[in-house]
């Protein structure tokens, strides 16, 4: 199904279900890159689930770093307890949406699928702004002044 066919199919569903604008959802989920499907809502929910899983894992690595992941140990040190509590609150929201996407993917109910897509988009903008803040701090932890020797001390 060519990209314009996906947009056409989406816009037909949008009329029925009051969905977000195609351009917005395509920008966030890259719908035009999707494999052709007769079940567009399921494909969108799968993309949402993948996005939620990715960002949940990133936060997990900060909140509970695995000792075998040097980068996670390093980055985790740069967050104080309040930031970690706030990150956990974001994590809870991501997991709530993730588990809701799991449940909805099993429902085979277009109305529930459309409501979930709309709910996700309503919450995603705020979540994304928070995630950007944490991603920036993770990146900044790798500036030249960051003391990586402490993280690697046990190796040498």
C-alpha atoms as a PDB file:
ATOM      1  CA  UNK A   1       0.000   0.000   0.000  1.00  0.00           C
ATOM      2  CA  UNK A   2       1.720   3.236  -1.086  1.00  0.00           C
ATOM      3  CA  UNK A   3       2.126   5.997   1.496  1.00  0.00           C
ATOM      4  CA  UNK A   4      -0.690   8.062   0.049  1.00  0.00           C
ATOM      5  CA  UNK A   5      -2.952   5.004   0.366  1.00  0.00           C
ATOM      6  CA  UNK A   6      -2.132   4.758   4.067  1.00  0.00           C
ATOM      7  CA  UNK A   7      -2.995   8.436   4.470  1.00  0.00           C
ATOM      8  CA  UNK A   8      -6.220   7.960   2.529  1.00  0.00           C
ATOM      9  CA  UNK A   9      -7.175   4.920   4.623  1.00  0.00           C
ATOM     10  CA  UNK A  10      -6.327   6.793   7.829  1.00  0.00           C
ATOM     11  CA  UNK A  11      -8.354   9.848   6.851  1.00  0.00           C
ATOM     12  CA  UNK A  12     -11.384   7.664   6.133  1.00  0.00           C
ATOM     13  CA  UNK A  13     -11.069   6.174   9.621  1.00  0.00           C
ATOM     14  CA  UNK A  14     -10.457   9.632  11.062  1.00  0.00           C
ATOM     15  CA  UNK A  15     -13.874  10.804   9.879  1.00  0.00           C
ATOM     16  CA  UNK A  16     -15.536   7.933  11.738  1.00  0.00           C
ATOM     17  CA  UNK A  17     -13.494   8.057  14.921  1.00  0.00           C
ATOM     18  CA  UNK A  18     -12.272  11.639  15.538  1.00  0.00           C
ATOM     19  CA  UNK A  19      -8.587  10.725  15.314  1.00  0.00           C
ATOM     20  CA  UNK A  20      -5.596  13.100  15.434  1.00  0.00           C
ATOM     21  CA  UNK A  21      -4.450  14.731  12.207  1.00  0.00           C
ATOM     22  CA  UNK A  22      -2.559  12.359   9.911  1.00  0.00           C
ATOM     23  CA  UNK A  23       0.502  14.616   9.627  1.00  0.00           C
ATOM     24  CA  UNK A  24       0.896  14.722  13.418  1.00  0.00           C
ATOM     25  CA  UNK A  25       0.573  10.990  13.874  1.00  0.00           C
ATOM     26  CA  UNK A  26       2.747  10.263  10.846  1.00  0.00           C
ATOM     27  CA  UNK A  27       5.478  12.543  12.216  1.00  0.00           C
ATOM     28  CA  UNK A  28       5.510  10.685  15.545  1.00  0.00           C
ATOM     29  CA  UNK A  29       4.996   7.126  14.296  1.00  0.00           C
ATOM     30  CA  UNK A  30       6.222   7.222  10.675  1.00  0.00           C
ATOM     31  CA  UNK A  31       3.060   5.653   9.330  1.00  0.00           C
ATOM     32  CA  UNK A  32       4.140   6.166   5.741  1.00  0.00           C
ATOM     33  CA  UNK A  33       6.926   3.636   6.361  1.00  0.00           C
ATOM     34  CA  UNK A  34       4.474   0.983   7.557  1.00  0.00           C
ATOM     35  CA  UNK A  35       4.053  -2.277   5.747  1.00  0.00           C
ATOM     36  CA  UNK A  36       0.710  -2.510   3.973  1.00  0.00           C
ATOM     37  CA  UNK A  37      -2.068  -3.760   6.218  1.00  0.00           C
ATOM     38  CA  UNK A  38      -5.791  -4.175   6.108  1.00  0.00           C
ATOM     39  CA  UNK A  39      -5.783  -3.469   9.849  1.00  0.00           C
ATOM     40  CA  UNK A  40      -4.416   0.052  10.073  1.00  0.00           C
ATOM     41  CA  UNK A  41      -5.427   0.598  13.707  1.00  0.00           C
ATOM     42  CA  UNK A  42      -3.553  -2.539  14.756  1.00  0.00           C
ATOM     43  CA  UNK A  43      -0.471  -1.343  12.875  1.00  0.00           C
ATOM     44  CA  UNK A  44      -0.655   2.066  14.548  1.00  0.00           C
ATOM     45  CA  UNK A  45      -1.078   0.501  17.984  1.00  0.00           C
ATOM     46  CA  UNK A  46       1.899  -1.752  17.312  1.00  0.00           C
ATOM     47  CA  UNK A  47       3.999   1.321  16.469  1.00  0.00           C
ATOM     48  CA  UNK A  48       2.782   3.037  19.640  1.00  0.00           C
ATOM     49  CA  UNK A  49       3.687  -0.063  21.668  1.00  0.00           C
ATOM     50  CA  UNK A  50       7.201  -0.103  20.206  1.00  0.00           C
ATOM     51  CA  UNK A  51       7.706   3.577  21.032  1.00  0.00           C
ATOM     52  CA  UNK A  52       6.434   3.100  24.583  1.00  0.00           C
ATOM     53  CA  UNK A  53       8.643   0.053  25.112  1.00  0.00           C
ATOM     54  CA  UNK A  54      11.748   1.886  23.866  1.00  0.00           C
ATOM     55  CA  UNK A  55      11.314   4.887  26.162  1.00  0.00           C
ATOM     56  CA  UNK A  56      10.319   2.716  29.127  1.00  0.00           C
ATOM     57  CA  UNK A  57      13.588   0.794  28.747  1.00  0.00           C
ATOM     58  CA  UNK A  58      15.613   4.002  28.613  1.00  0.00           C
ATOM     59  CA  UNK A  59      14.081   5.146  31.906  1.00  0.00           C
ATOM     60  CA  UNK A  60      14.502   1.684  33.469  1.00  0.00           C
ATOM     61  CA  UNK A  61      18.228   1.865  32.733  1.00  0.00           C
ATOM     62  CA  UNK A  62      18.490   5.085  34.746  1.00  0.00           C
ATOM     63  CA  UNK A  63      16.226   4.022  37.607  1.00  0.00           C
ATOM     64  CA  UNK A  64      17.751   0.558  37.992  1.00  0.00           C
ATOM     65  CA  UNK A  65      20.999   0.313  36.044  1.00  0.00           C
ATOM     66  CA  UNK A  66      22.346  -3.116  35.243  1.00  0.00           C
ATOM     67  CA  UNK A  67      25.914  -3.486  36.524  1.00  0.00           C
ATOM     68  CA  UNK A  68      26.943  -4.904  33.148  1.00  0.00           C
ATOM     69  CA  UNK A  69      25.895  -1.686  31.353  1.00  0.00           C
ATOM     70  CA  UNK A  70      28.624   0.855  31.922  1.00  0.00           C
ATOM     71  CA  UNK A  71      26.645   3.592  30.180  1.00  0.00           C
ATOM     72  CA  UNK A  72      23.629   3.059  32.458  1.00  0.00           C
ATOM     73  CA  UNK A  73      25.776   3.166  35.606  1.00  0.00           C
ATOM     74  CA  UNK A  74      27.463   6.322  34.356  1.00  0.00           C
ATOM     75  CA  UNK A  75      24.282   8.155  33.360  1.00  0.00           C
ATOM     76  CA  UNK A  76      22.352   7.145  36.471  1.00  0.00           C
ATOM     77  CA  UNK A  77      24.869   8.941  38.694  1.00  0.00           C
ATOM     78  CA  UNK A  78      23.911  12.278  37.117  1.00  0.00           C
ATOM     79  CA  UNK A  79      20.293  12.175  38.339  1.00  0.00           C
ATOM     80  CA  UNK A  80      19.352  13.115  41.891  1.00  0.00           C
ATOM     81  CA  UNK A  81      16.594  11.405  43.876  1.00  0.00           C
ATOM     82  CA  UNK A  82      13.917  13.966  42.955  1.00  0.00           C
ATOM     83  CA  UNK A  83      14.689  13.588  39.261  1.00  0.00           C
ATOM     84  CA  UNK A  84      14.538   9.802  39.622  1.00  0.00           C
ATOM     85  CA  UNK A  85      11.183  10.056  41.399  1.00  0.00           C
ATOM     86  CA  UNK A  86       9.885  12.291  38.586  1.00  0.00           C
ATOM     87  CA  UNK A  87      11.278   9.821  36.041  1.00  0.00           C
ATOM     88  CA  UNK A  88       9.467   7.020  37.828  1.00  0.00           C
ATOM     89  CA  UNK A  89       6.214   8.974  37.508  1.00  0.00           C
ATOM     90  CA  UNK A  90       6.828   9.234  33.751  1.00  0.00           C
ATOM     91  CA  UNK A  91       7.683   5.531  33.693  1.00  0.00           C
ATOM     92  CA  UNK A  92       4.347   4.714  35.337  1.00  0.00           C
ATOM     93  CA  UNK A  93       2.514   6.718  32.660  1.00  0.00           C
ATOM     94  CA  UNK A  94       4.458   5.012  29.875  1.00  0.00           C
ATOM     95  CA  UNK A  95       3.771   1.574  31.351  1.00  0.00           C
ATOM     96  CA  UNK A  96       0.089   2.362  31.798  1.00  0.00           C
ATOM     97  CA  UNK A  97      -0.148   3.279  28.127  1.00  0.00           C
ATOM     98  CA  UNK A  98       1.973   0.272  27.156  1.00  0.00           C
ATOM     99  CA  UNK A  99      -0.221  -2.190  29.016  1.00  0.00           C
ATOM    100  CA  UNK A 100      -3.310  -0.479  27.649  1.00  0.00           C
ATOM    101  CA  UNK A 101      -1.915  -0.924  24.118  1.00  0.00           C
ATOM    102  CA  UNK A 102      -1.373  -4.611  24.876  1.00  0.00           C
ATOM    103  CA  UNK A 103      -4.956  -5.014  26.040  1.00  0.00           C
ATOM    104  CA  UNK A 104      -6.385  -3.022  23.116  1.00  0.00           C
ATOM    105  CA  UNK A 105      -4.337  -5.008  20.596  1.00  0.00           C
ATOM    106  CA  UNK A 106      -6.213  -8.100  21.748  1.00  0.00           C
ATOM    107  CA  UNK A 107      -9.671  -6.526  21.629  1.00  0.00           C
ATOM    108  CA  UNK A 108     -10.475  -6.488  17.898  1.00  0.00           C
ATOM    109  CA  UNK A 109     -12.695  -3.472  18.557  1.00  0.00           C
ATOM    110  CA  UNK A 110     -12.167  -0.512  16.223  1.00  0.00           C
ATOM    111  CA  UNK A 111     -13.855   1.924  18.619  1.00  0.00           C
ATOM    112  CA  UNK A 112     -11.531   0.949  21.501  1.00  0.00           C
ATOM    113  CA  UNK A 113      -8.519   1.061  19.180  1.00  0.00           C
ATOM    114  CA  UNK A 114      -9.429   4.561  17.957  1.00  0.00           C
ATOM    115  CA  UNK A 115     -10.022   5.779  21.524  1.00  0.00           C
ATOM    116  CA  UNK A 116      -6.627   4.450  22.573  1.00  0.00           C
ATOM    117  CA  UNK A 117      -4.844   6.131  19.644  1.00  0.00           C
ATOM    118  CA  UNK A 118      -6.513   9.434  20.541  1.00  0.00           C
ATOM    119  CA  UNK A 119      -5.676   8.989  24.249  1.00  0.00           C
ATOM    120  CA  UNK A 120      -2.057   8.186  23.448  1.00  0.00           C
ATOM    121  CA  UNK A 121      -1.704  11.309  21.360  1.00  0.00           C
ATOM    122  CA  UNK A 122      -3.303  13.436  24.055  1.00  0.00           C
ATOM    123  CA  UNK A 123      -0.743  12.233  26.601  1.00  0.00           C
ATOM    124  CA  UNK A 124       2.287  11.822  24.339  1.00  0.00           C
ATOM    125  CA  UNK A 125       3.025  15.528  23.852  1.00  0.00           C
ATOM    126  CA  UNK A 126       3.554  16.096  27.594  1.00  0.00           C
ATOM    127  CA  UNK A 127       5.452  12.836  28.026  1.00  0.00           C
ATOM    128  CA  UNK A 128       7.700  13.685  25.111  1.00  0.00           C
ATOM    129  CA  UNK A 129       8.591  17.080  26.621  1.00  0.00           C
ATOM    130  CA  UNK A 130       9.628  15.355  29.854  1.00  0.00           C
ATOM    131  CA  UNK A 131      11.602  12.699  28.011  1.00  0.00           C
ATOM    132  CA  UNK A 132      13.521  15.356  26.083  1.00  0.00           C
ATOM    133  CA  UNK A 133      14.614  16.890  29.385  1.00  0.00           C
ATOM    134  CA  UNK A 134      15.984  13.556  30.622  1.00  0.00           C
ATOM    135  CA  UNK A 135      17.584  12.670  27.294  1.00  0.00           C
ATOM    136  CA  UNK A 136      19.402  16.001  27.339  1.00  0.00           C
ATOM    137  CA  UNK A 137      20.781  15.293  30.807  1.00  0.00           C
ATOM    138  CA  UNK A 138      21.897  11.806  29.707  1.00  0.00           C
ATOM    139  CA  UNK A 139      23.736  13.335  26.758  1.00  0.00           C
ATOM    140  CA  UNK A 140      25.304  16.004  28.957  1.00  0.00           C
ATOM    141  CA  UNK A 141      26.650  13.312  31.286  1.00  0.00           C
ATOM    142  CA  UNK A 142      29.023  12.372  28.451  1.00  0.00           C
ATOM    143  CA  UNK A 143      30.643  15.783  28.072  1.00  0.00           C
ATOM    144  CA  UNK A 144      34.435  15.729  28.387  1.00  0.00           C
ATOM    145  CA  UNK A 145      34.283  16.895  31.998  1.00  0.00           C
ATOM    146  CA  UNK A 146      32.235  13.843  33.010  1.00  0.00           C
ATOM    147  CA  UNK A 147      34.552  11.575  34.998  1.00  0.00           C
ATOM    148  CA  UNK A 148      34.196   8.195  33.329  1.00  0.00           C
ATOM    149  CA  UNK A 149      37.246   6.811  35.144  1.00  0.00           C
ATOM    150  CA  UNK A 150      35.164   6.310  38.275  1.00  0.00           C
ATOM    151  CA  UNK A 151      32.751   4.111  36.304  1.00  0.00           C
ATOM    152  CA  UNK A 152      35.584   2.111  34.759  1.00  0.00           C
ATOM    153  CA  UNK A 153      37.799   1.885  37.849  1.00  0.00           C
ATOM    154  CA  UNK A 154      37.040  -1.766  38.517  1.00  0.00           C
ATOM    155  CA  UNK A 155      38.202  -2.710  34.996  1.00  0.00           C
ATOM    156  CA  UNK A 156      41.757  -1.471  35.308  1.00  0.00           C
END
